[in-house]
Amino acid sequence: LTAALLKAGIVMTEAEWLGLTYAVGVGGSLLVIGSAAGI
């Protein structure tokens, strides 16, 4: 998902990129299959 977003050429501010960093890093915790830690 992160690789796809980076390849898609999305333009955001650094603050918004930091928000995305938190989102994709922590969001996988919502389901047990959503992250390597959960698996």
PDB file of all heavy atoms in Angstrom:
ATOM      1  N   LEU A   1       0.834  -1.199   0.000  1.00  0.00           N
ATOM      2  CA  LEU A   1       0.000   0.000   0.000  1.00  0.00           C
ATOM      3  C   LEU A   1       0.873   1.256   0.000  1.00  0.00           C
ATOM      4  O   LEU A   1       0.645   2.192  -0.778  1.00  0.00           O
ATOM      5  CB  LEU A   1      -0.919  -0.007   1.220  1.00  0.00           C
ATOM      6  CG  LEU A   1      -1.901   1.161   1.326  1.00  0.00           C
ATOM      7  CD1 LEU A   1      -2.862   1.157   0.153  1.00  0.00           C
ATOM      8  CD2 LEU A   1      -2.663   1.090   2.641  1.00  0.00           C
ATOM      9  N   THR A   2       1.886   1.273   0.859  1.00  0.00           N
ATOM     10  CA  THR A   2       2.793   2.416   0.917  1.00  0.00           C
ATOM     11  C   THR A   2       3.577   2.563  -0.381  1.00  0.00           C
ATOM     12  O   THR A   2       3.748   3.680  -0.900  1.00  0.00           O
ATOM     13  CB  THR A   2       3.764   2.264   2.099  1.00  0.00           C
ATOM     14  OG1 THR A   2       3.025   2.122   3.306  1.00  0.00           O
ATOM     15  CG2 THR A   2       4.683   3.471   2.210  1.00  0.00           C
ATOM     16  N   ALA A   3       4.046   1.430  -0.900  1.00  0.00           N
ATOM     17  CA  ALA A   3       4.785   1.476  -2.163  1.00  0.00           C
ATOM     18  C   ALA A   3       3.917   2.043  -3.280  1.00  0.00           C
ATOM     19  O   ALA A   3       4.379   2.843  -4.104  1.00  0.00           O
ATOM     20  CB  ALA A   3       5.279   0.078  -2.525  1.00  0.00           C
ATOM     21  N   ALA A   4       2.654   1.642  -3.314  1.00  0.00           N
ATOM     22  CA  ALA A   4       1.741   2.138  -4.341  1.00  0.00           C
ATOM     23  C   ALA A   4       1.524   3.638  -4.206  1.00  0.00           C
ATOM     24  O   ALA A   4       1.497   4.377  -5.209  1.00  0.00           O
ATOM     25  CB  ALA A   4       0.409   1.394  -4.251  1.00  0.00           C
ATOM     26  N   LEU A   5       1.370   4.134  -2.982  1.00  0.00           N
ATOM     27  CA  LEU A   5       1.164   5.562  -2.757  1.00  0.00           C
ATOM     28  C   LEU A   5       2.390   6.369  -3.181  1.00  0.00           C
ATOM     29  O   LEU A   5       2.267   7.446  -3.774  1.00  0.00           O
ATOM     30  CB  LEU A   5       0.852   5.818  -1.283  1.00  0.00           C
ATOM     31  CG  LEU A   5      -0.502   5.312  -0.779  1.00  0.00           C
ATOM     32  CD1 LEU A   5      -0.598   5.436   0.735  1.00  0.00           C
ATOM     33  CD2 LEU A   5      -1.636   6.085  -1.437  1.00  0.00           C
ATOM     34  N   LEU A   6       3.570   5.847  -2.881  1.00  0.00           N
ATOM     35  CA  LEU A   6       4.793   6.546  -3.264  1.00  0.00           C
ATOM     36  C   LEU A   6       4.971   6.570  -4.783  1.00  0.00           C
ATOM     37  O   LEU A   6       5.430   7.566  -5.348  1.00  0.00           O
ATOM     38  CB  LEU A   6       6.005   5.886  -2.598  1.00  0.00           C
ATOM     39  CG  LEU A   6       6.076   6.017  -1.070  1.00  0.00           C
ATOM     40  CD1 LEU A   6       7.226   5.181  -0.514  1.00  0.00           C
ATOM     41  CD2 LEU A   6       6.254   7.476  -0.665  1.00  0.00           C
ATOM     42  N   LYS A   7       4.602   5.474  -5.437  1.00  0.00           N
ATOM     43  CA  LYS A   7       4.755   5.392  -6.882  1.00  0.00           C
ATOM     44  C   LYS A   7       3.694   6.216  -7.616  1.00  0.00           C
ATOM     45  O   LYS A   7       3.873   6.553  -8.787  1.00  0.00           O
ATOM     46  CB  LYS A   7       4.646   3.933  -7.345  1.00  0.00           C
ATOM     47  CG  LYS A   7       5.713   3.002  -6.801  1.00  0.00           C
ATOM     48  CD  LYS A   7       7.039   3.210  -7.452  1.00  0.00           C
ATOM     49  CE  LYS A   7       8.047   2.153  -6.999  1.00  0.00           C
ATOM     50  NZ  LYS A   7       9.385   2.382  -7.576  1.00  0.00           N
ATOM     51  N   ALA A   8       2.598   6.544  -6.939  1.00  0.00           N
ATOM     52  CA  ALA A   8       1.480   7.203  -7.607  1.00  0.00           C
ATOM     53  C   ALA A   8       1.725   8.691  -7.848  1.00  0.00           C
ATOM     54  O   ALA A   8       0.948   9.349  -8.541  1.00  0.00           O
ATOM     55  CB  ALA A   8       0.203   7.008  -6.805  1.00  0.00           C
ATOM     56  N   GLY A   9       2.780   9.246  -7.259  1.00  0.00           N
ATOM     57  CA  GLY A   9       3.102  10.647  -7.500  1.00  0.00           C
ATOM     58  C   GLY A   9       2.201  11.624  -6.767  1.00  0.00           C
ATOM     59  O   GLY A   9       1.957  12.745  -7.253  1.00  0.00           O
ATOM     60  N   ILE A  10       1.690  11.259  -5.597  1.00  0.00           N
ATOM     61  CA  ILE A  10       0.810  12.131  -4.822  1.00  0.00           C
ATOM     62  C   ILE A  10       1.612  13.303  -4.254  1.00  0.00           C
ATOM     63  O   ILE A  10       2.717  13.126  -3.745  1.00  0.00           O
ATOM     64  CB  ILE A  10       0.147  11.348  -3.678  1.00  0.00           C
ATOM     65  CG1 ILE A  10      -0.735  10.230  -4.252  1.00  0.00           C
ATOM     66  CG2 ILE A  10      -0.679  12.262  -2.781  1.00  0.00           C
ATOM     67  CD1 ILE A  10      -1.231   9.262  -3.222  1.00  0.00           C
ATOM     68  N   VAL A  11       1.045  14.498  -4.341  1.00  0.00           N
ATOM     69  CA  VAL A  11       1.704  15.706  -3.835  1.00  0.00           C
ATOM     70  C   VAL A  11       1.070  16.104  -2.511  1.00  0.00           C
ATOM     71  O   VAL A  11      -0.130  16.365  -2.441  1.00  0.00           O
ATOM     72  CB  VAL A  11       1.592  16.871  -4.841  1.00  0.00           C
ATOM     73  CG1 VAL A  11       2.242  18.131  -4.268  1.00  0.00           C
ATOM     74  CG2 VAL A  11       2.238  16.486  -6.169  1.00  0.00           C
ATOM     75  N   MET A  12       1.869  16.118  -1.443  1.00  0.00           N
ATOM     76  CA  MET A  12       1.398  16.517  -0.119  1.00  0.00           C
ATOM     77  C   MET A  12       2.489  17.315   0.585  1.00  0.00           C
ATOM     78  O   MET A  12       3.659  17.271   0.196  1.00  0.00           O
ATOM     79  CB  MET A  12       1.031  15.288   0.731  1.00  0.00           C
ATOM     80  CG  MET A  12      -0.160  14.495   0.234  1.00  0.00           C
ATOM     81  SD  MET A  12      -0.753  13.259   1.444  1.00  0.00           S
ATOM     82  CE  MET A  12       0.629  12.106   1.454  1.00  0.00           C
ATOM     83  N   THR A  13       2.105  18.033   1.625  1.00  0.00           N
ATOM     84  CA  THR A  13       3.076  18.716   2.458  1.00  0.00           C
ATOM     85  C   THR A  13       3.794  17.695   3.333  1.00  0.00           C
ATOM     86  O   THR A  13       3.325  16.555   3.492  1.00  0.00           O
ATOM     87  CB  THR A  13       2.395  19.760   3.362  1.00  0.00           C
ATOM     88  OG1 THR A  13       1.525  19.082   4.286  1.00  0.00           O
ATOM     89  CG2 THR A  13       1.569  20.740   2.528  1.00  0.00           C
ATOM     90  N   GLU A  14       4.910  18.119   3.944  1.00  0.00           N
ATOM     91  CA  GLU A  14       5.642  17.183   4.795  1.00  0.00           C
ATOM     92  C   GLU A  14       4.809  16.787   6.011  1.00  0.00           C
ATOM     93  O   GLU A  14       4.857  15.637   6.466  1.00  0.00           O
ATOM     94  CB  GLU A  14       6.971  17.781   5.264  1.00  0.00           C
ATOM     95  CG  GLU A  14       7.812  16.775   6.050  1.00  0.00           C
ATOM     96  CD  GLU A  14       9.169  17.301   6.449  1.00  0.00           C
ATOM     97  OE1 GLU A  14       9.481  18.451   6.109  1.00  0.00           O
ATOM     98  OE2 GLU A  14       9.895  16.557   7.129  1.00  0.00           O
ATOM     99  N   ALA A  15       4.002  17.719   6.546  1.00  0.00           N
ATOM    100  CA  ALA A  15       3.135  17.393   7.679  1.00  0.00           C
ATOM    101  C   ALA A  15       2.151  16.291   7.295  1.00  0.00           C
ATOM    102  O   ALA A  15       1.868  15.387   8.094  1.00  0.00           O
ATOM    103  CB  ALA A  15       2.387  18.643   8.138  1.00  0.00           C
ATOM    104  N   GLU A  16       1.630  16.353   6.072  1.00  0.00           N
ATOM    105  CA  GLU A  16       0.685  15.331   5.617  1.00  0.00           C
ATOM    106  C   GLU A  16       1.387  14.002   5.366  1.00  0.00           C
ATOM    107  O   GLU A  16       0.817  12.935   5.627  1.00  0.00           O
ATOM    108  CB  GLU A  16      -0.029  15.824   4.360  1.00  0.00           C
ATOM    109  CG  GLU A  16      -0.993  16.976   4.649  1.00  0.00           C
ATOM    110  CD  GLU A  16      -1.440  17.715   3.402  1.00  0.00           C
ATOM    111  OE1 GLU A  16      -0.773  17.586   2.343  1.00  0.00           O
ATOM    112  OE2 GLU A  16      -2.440  18.436   3.479  1.00  0.00           O
ATOM    113  N   TRP A  17       2.621  14.046   4.881  1.00  0.00           N
ATOM    114  CA  TRP A  17       3.389  12.809   4.711  1.00  0.00           C
ATOM    115  C   TRP A  17       3.694  12.174   6.068  1.00  0.00           C
ATOM    116  O   TRP A  17       3.694  10.947   6.206  1.00  0.00           O
ATOM    117  CB  TRP A  17       4.685  13.066   3.953  1.00  0.00           C
ATOM    118  CG  TRP A  17       4.509  13.144   2.463  1.00  0.00           C
ATOM    119  CD1 TRP A  17       4.621  14.252   1.666  1.00  0.00           C
ATOM    120  CD2 TRP A  17       4.165  12.062   1.586  1.00  0.00           C
ATOM    121  NE1 TRP A  17       4.362  13.927   0.354  1.00  0.00           N
ATOM    122  CE2 TRP A  17       4.088  12.595   0.272  1.00  0.00           C
ATOM    123  CE3 TRP A  17       3.914  10.705   1.780  1.00  0.00           C
ATOM    124  CZ2 TRP A  17       3.771  11.802  -0.830  1.00  0.00           C
ATOM    125  CZ3 TRP A  17       3.598   9.912   0.683  1.00  0.00           C
ATOM    126  CH2 TRP A  17       3.542  10.469  -0.600  1.00  0.00           C
ATOM    127  N   LEU A  18       3.934  13.007   7.082  1.00  0.00           N
ATOM    128  CA  LEU A  18       4.143  12.472   8.429  1.00  0.00           C
ATOM    129  C   LEU A  18       2.867  11.806   8.939  1.00  0.00           C
ATOM    130  O   LEU A  18       2.912  10.768   9.599  1.00  0.00           O
ATOM    131  CB  LEU A  18       4.577  13.591   9.378  1.00  0.00           C
ATOM    132  CG  LEU A  18       6.018  14.083   9.230  1.00  0.00           C
ATOM    133  CD1 LEU A  18       6.241  15.354  10.038  1.00  0.00           C
ATOM    134  CD2 LEU A  18       7.007  13.003   9.655  1.00  0.00           C
ATOM    135  N   GLY A  19       1.714  12.415   8.622  1.00  0.00           N
ATOM    136  CA  GLY A  19       0.450  11.797   8.997  1.00  0.00           C
ATOM    137  C   GLY A  19       0.266  10.454   8.327  1.00  0.00           C
ATOM    138  O   GLY A  19      -0.199   9.487   8.949  1.00  0.00           O
ATOM    139  N   LEU A  20       0.642  10.366   7.050  1.00  0.00           N
ATOM    140  CA  LEU A  20       0.545   9.090   6.336  1.00  0.00           C
ATOM    141  C   LEU A  20       1.498   8.060   6.945  1.00  0.00           C
ATOM    142  O   LEU A  20       1.159   6.874   7.049  1.00  0.00           O
ATOM    143  CB  LEU A  20       0.868   9.286   4.858  1.00  0.00           C
ATOM    144  CG  LEU A  20       0.856   8.007   4.009  1.00  0.00           C
ATOM    145  CD1 LEU A  20      -0.551   7.424   3.947  1.00  0.00           C
ATOM    146  CD2 LEU A  20       1.385   8.273   2.601  1.00  0.00           C
ATOM    147  N   THR A  21       2.689   8.504   7.348  1.00  0.00           N
ATOM    148  CA  THR A  21       3.655   7.599   7.979  1.00  0.00           C
ATOM    149  C   THR A  21       3.059   6.956   9.227  1.00  0.00           C
ATOM    150  O   THR A  21       3.184   5.743   9.439  1.00  0.00           O
ATOM    151  CB  THR A  21       4.945   8.362   8.352  1.00  0.00           C
ATOM    152  OG1 THR A  21       5.492   8.982   7.185  1.00  0.00           O
ATOM    153  CG2 THR A  21       5.978   7.407   8.946  1.00  0.00           C
ATOM    154  N   TYR A  22       2.403   7.774  10.054  1.00  0.00           N
ATOM    155  CA  TYR A  22       1.743   7.219  11.242  1.00  0.00           C
ATOM    156  C   TYR A  22       0.606   6.291  10.843  1.00  0.00           C
ATOM    157  O   TYR A  22       0.454   5.196  11.391  1.00  0.00           O
ATOM    158  CB  TYR A  22       1.207   8.342  12.128  1.00  0.00           C
ATOM    159  CG  TYR A  22       0.478   7.823  13.351  1.00  0.00           C
ATOM    160  CD1 TYR A  22       1.170   7.574  14.523  1.00  0.00           C
ATOM    161  CD2 TYR A  22      -0.888   7.544  13.317  1.00  0.00           C
ATOM    162  CE1 TYR A  22       0.522   7.061  15.647  1.00  0.00           C
ATOM    163  CE2 TYR A  22      -1.545   7.032  14.429  1.00  0.00           C
ATOM    164  CZ  TYR A  22      -0.834   6.788  15.590  1.00  0.00           C
ATOM    165  OH  TYR A  22      -1.484   6.271  16.685  1.00  0.00           O
ATOM    166  N   ALA A  23      -0.190   6.715   9.856  1.00  0.00           N
ATOM    167  CA  ALA A  23      -1.389   5.961   9.482  1.00  0.00           C
ATOM    168  C   ALA A  23      -1.054   4.560   8.989  1.00  0.00           C
ATOM    169  O   ALA A  23      -1.621   3.571   9.463  1.00  0.00           O
ATOM    170  CB  ALA A  23      -2.171   6.732   8.419  1.00  0.00           C
ATOM    171  N   VAL A  24      -0.124   4.454   8.040  1.00  0.00           N
ATOM    172  CA  VAL A  24       0.170   3.132   7.475  1.00  0.00           C
ATOM    173  C   VAL A  24       1.023   2.301   8.424  1.00  0.00           C
ATOM    174  O   VAL A  24       1.033   1.069   8.337  1.00  0.00           O
ATOM    175  CB  VAL A  24       0.871   3.253   6.101  1.00  0.00           C
ATOM    176  CG1 VAL A  24      -0.043   3.898   5.085  1.00  0.00           C
ATOM    177  CG2 VAL A  24       2.175   4.037   6.208  1.00  0.00           C
ATOM    178  N   GLY A  25       1.735   2.966   9.341  1.00  0.00           N
ATOM    179  CA  GLY A  25       2.534   2.224  10.304  1.00  0.00           C
ATOM    180  C   GLY A  25       1.712   1.616  11.417  1.00  0.00           C
ATOM    181  O   GLY A  25       1.967   0.499  11.868  1.00  0.00           O
ATOM    182  N   VAL A  26       0.680   2.348  11.869  1.00  0.00           N
ATOM    183  CA  VAL A  26      -0.116   1.920  13.020  1.00  0.00           C
ATOM    184  C   VAL A  26      -1.455   1.315  12.590  1.00  0.00           C
ATOM    185  O   VAL A  26      -2.009   0.462  13.282  1.00  0.00           O
ATOM    186  CB  VAL A  26      -0.343   3.100  13.983  1.00  0.00           C
ATOM    187  CG1 VAL A  26      -1.157   2.672  15.200  1.00  0.00           C
ATOM    188  CG2 VAL A  26       0.986   3.684  14.427  1.00  0.00           C
ATOM    189  N   GLY A  27      -1.977   1.742  11.440  1.00  0.00           N
ATOM    190  CA  GLY A  27      -3.300   1.283  11.006  1.00  0.00           C
ATOM    191  C   GLY A  27      -3.420  -0.216  10.847  1.00  0.00           C
ATOM    192  O   GLY A  27      -4.505  -0.783  11.046  1.00  0.00           O
ATOM    193  N   GLY A  28      -2.315  -0.874  10.535  1.00  0.00           N
ATOM    194  CA  GLY A  28      -2.342  -2.325  10.396  1.00  0.00           C
ATOM    195  C   GLY A  28      -2.679  -3.049  11.683  1.00  0.00           C
ATOM    196  O   GLY A  28      -3.015  -4.242  11.669  1.00  0.00           O
ATOM    197  N   SER A  29      -2.614  -2.333  12.817  1.00  0.00           N
ATOM    198  CA  SER A  29      -2.921  -2.944  14.108  1.00  0.00           C
ATOM    199  C   SER A  29      -4.414  -3.158  14.320  1.00  0.00           C
ATOM    200  O   SER A  29      -4.815  -3.869  15.248  1.00  0.00           O
ATOM    201  CB  SER A  29      -2.399  -2.050  15.251  1.00  0.00           C
ATOM    202  OG  SER A  29      -1.037  -1.729  15.074  1.00  0.00           O
ATOM    203  N   LEU A  30      -5.251  -2.567  13.477  1.00  0.00           N
ATOM    204  CA  LEU A  30      -6.694  -2.644  13.693  1.00  0.00           C
ATOM    205  C   LEU A  30      -7.228  -4.066  13.519  1.00  0.00           C
ATOM    206  O   LEU A  30      -8.229  -4.432  14.125  1.00  0.00           O
ATOM    207  CB  LEU A  30      -7.410  -1.681  12.740  1.00  0.00           C
ATOM    208  CG  LEU A  30      -7.032  -0.198  12.898  1.00  0.00           C
ATOM    209  CD1 LEU A  30      -7.816   0.652  11.917  1.00  0.00           C
ATOM    210  CD2 LEU A  30      -7.259   0.282  14.322  1.00  0.00           C
ATOM    211  N   LEU A  31      -6.562  -4.840  12.667  1.00  0.00           N
ATOM    212  CA  LEU A  31      -6.900  -6.252  12.496  1.00  0.00           C
ATOM    213  C   LEU A  31      -5.632  -7.071  12.721  1.00  0.00           C
ATOM    214  O   LEU A  31      -4.531  -6.618  12.405  1.00  0.00           O
ATOM    215  CB  LEU A  31      -7.468  -6.533  11.099  1.00  0.00           C
ATOM    216  CG  LEU A  31      -8.810  -5.871  10.750  1.00  0.00           C
ATOM    217  CD1 LEU A  31      -9.179  -6.169   9.300  1.00  0.00           C
ATOM    218  CD2 LEU A  31      -9.915  -6.333  11.686  1.00  0.00           C
ATOM    219  N   VAL A  32      -5.778  -8.275  13.206  1.00  0.00           N
ATOM    220  CA  VAL A  32      -4.604  -9.085  13.521  1.00  0.00           C
ATOM    221  C   VAL A  32      -3.835  -9.491  12.273  1.00  0.00           C
ATOM    222  O   VAL A  32      -2.627  -9.757  12.332  1.00  0.00           O
ATOM    223  CB  VAL A  32      -5.020 -10.338  14.336  1.00  0.00           C
ATOM    224  CG1 VAL A  32      -5.715 -11.352  13.452  1.00  0.00           C
ATOM    225  CG2 VAL A  32      -3.821 -10.954  15.053  1.00  0.00           C
ATOM    226  N   ILE A  33      -4.512  -9.511  11.107  1.00  0.00           N
ATOM    227  CA  ILE A  33      -3.837  -9.887   9.859  1.00  0.00           C
ATOM    228  C   ILE A  33      -3.231  -8.686   9.149  1.00  0.00           C
ATOM    229  O   ILE A  33      -2.645  -8.820   8.077  1.00  0.00           O
ATOM    230  CB  ILE A  33      -4.818 -10.579   8.892  1.00  0.00           C
ATOM    231  CG1 ILE A  33      -5.958  -9.615   8.501  1.00  0.00           C
ATOM    232  CG2 ILE A  33      -5.353 -11.866   9.469  1.00  0.00           C
ATOM    233  CD1 ILE A  33      -6.844 -10.118   7.381  1.00  0.00           C
ATOM    234  N   GLY A  34      -3.339  -7.502   9.769  1.00  0.00           N
ATOM    235  CA  GLY A  34      -2.933  -6.287   9.074  1.00  0.00           C
ATOM    236  C   GLY A  34      -1.471  -5.923   9.197  1.00  0.00           C
ATOM    237  O   GLY A  34      -1.031  -4.937   8.606  1.00  0.00           O
ATOM    238  N   SER A  35      -0.696  -6.685   9.967  1.00  0.00           N
ATOM    239  CA  SER A  35       0.722  -6.354  10.136  1.00  0.00           C
ATOM    240  C   SER A  35       1.508  -7.617  10.431  1.00  0.00           C
ATOM    241  O   SER A  35       0.956  -8.635  10.860  1.00  0.00           O
ATOM    242  CB  SER A  35       0.905  -5.357  11.287  1.00  0.00           C
ATOM    243  OG  SER A  35       0.553  -5.947  12.528  1.00  0.00           O
ATOM    244  N   ALA A  36       2.817  -7.533  10.211  1.00  0.00           N
ATOM    245  CA  ALA A  36       3.692  -8.667  10.526  1.00  0.00           C
ATOM    246  C   ALA A  36       3.650  -8.987  12.016  1.00  0.00           C
ATOM    247  O   ALA A  36       3.696 -10.151  12.413  1.00  0.00           O
ATOM    248  CB  ALA A  36       5.124  -8.352  10.087  1.00  0.00           C
ATOM    249  N   ALA A  37       3.544  -7.944  12.843  1.00  0.00           N
ATOM    250  CA  ALA A  37       3.471  -8.158  14.286  1.00  0.00           C
ATOM    251  C   ALA A  37       2.237  -8.980  14.650  1.00  0.00           C
ATOM    252  O   ALA A  37       2.300  -9.889  15.494  1.00  0.00           O
ATOM    253  CB  ALA A  37       3.444  -6.808  15.013  1.00  0.00           C
ATOM    254  N   GLY A  38       1.104  -8.677  14.034  1.00  0.00           N
ATOM    255  CA  GLY A  38      -0.122  -9.416  14.303  1.00  0.00           C
ATOM    256  C   GLY A  38      -0.034 -10.861  13.860  1.00  0.00           C
ATOM    257  O   GLY A  38      -0.470 -11.775  14.579  1.00  0.00           O
ATOM    258  N   ILE A  39       0.528 -11.083  12.687  1.00  0.00           N
ATOM    259  CA  ILE A  39       0.670 -12.442  12.166  1.00  0.00           C
ATOM    260  C   ILE A  39       1.570 -13.276  13.068  1.00  0.00           C
ATOM    261  O   ILE A  39       1.267 -14.439  13.391  1.00  0.00           O
ATOM    262  CB  ILE A  39       1.234 -12.421  10.733  1.00  0.00           C
ATOM    263  CG1 ILE A  39       0.262 -11.713   9.779  1.00  0.00           C
ATOM    264  CG2 ILE A  39       1.527 -13.829  10.246  1.00  0.00           C
ATOM    265  CD1 ILE A  39      -1.055 -12.405   9.598  1.00  0.00           C
TER     266      ILE A  39
END
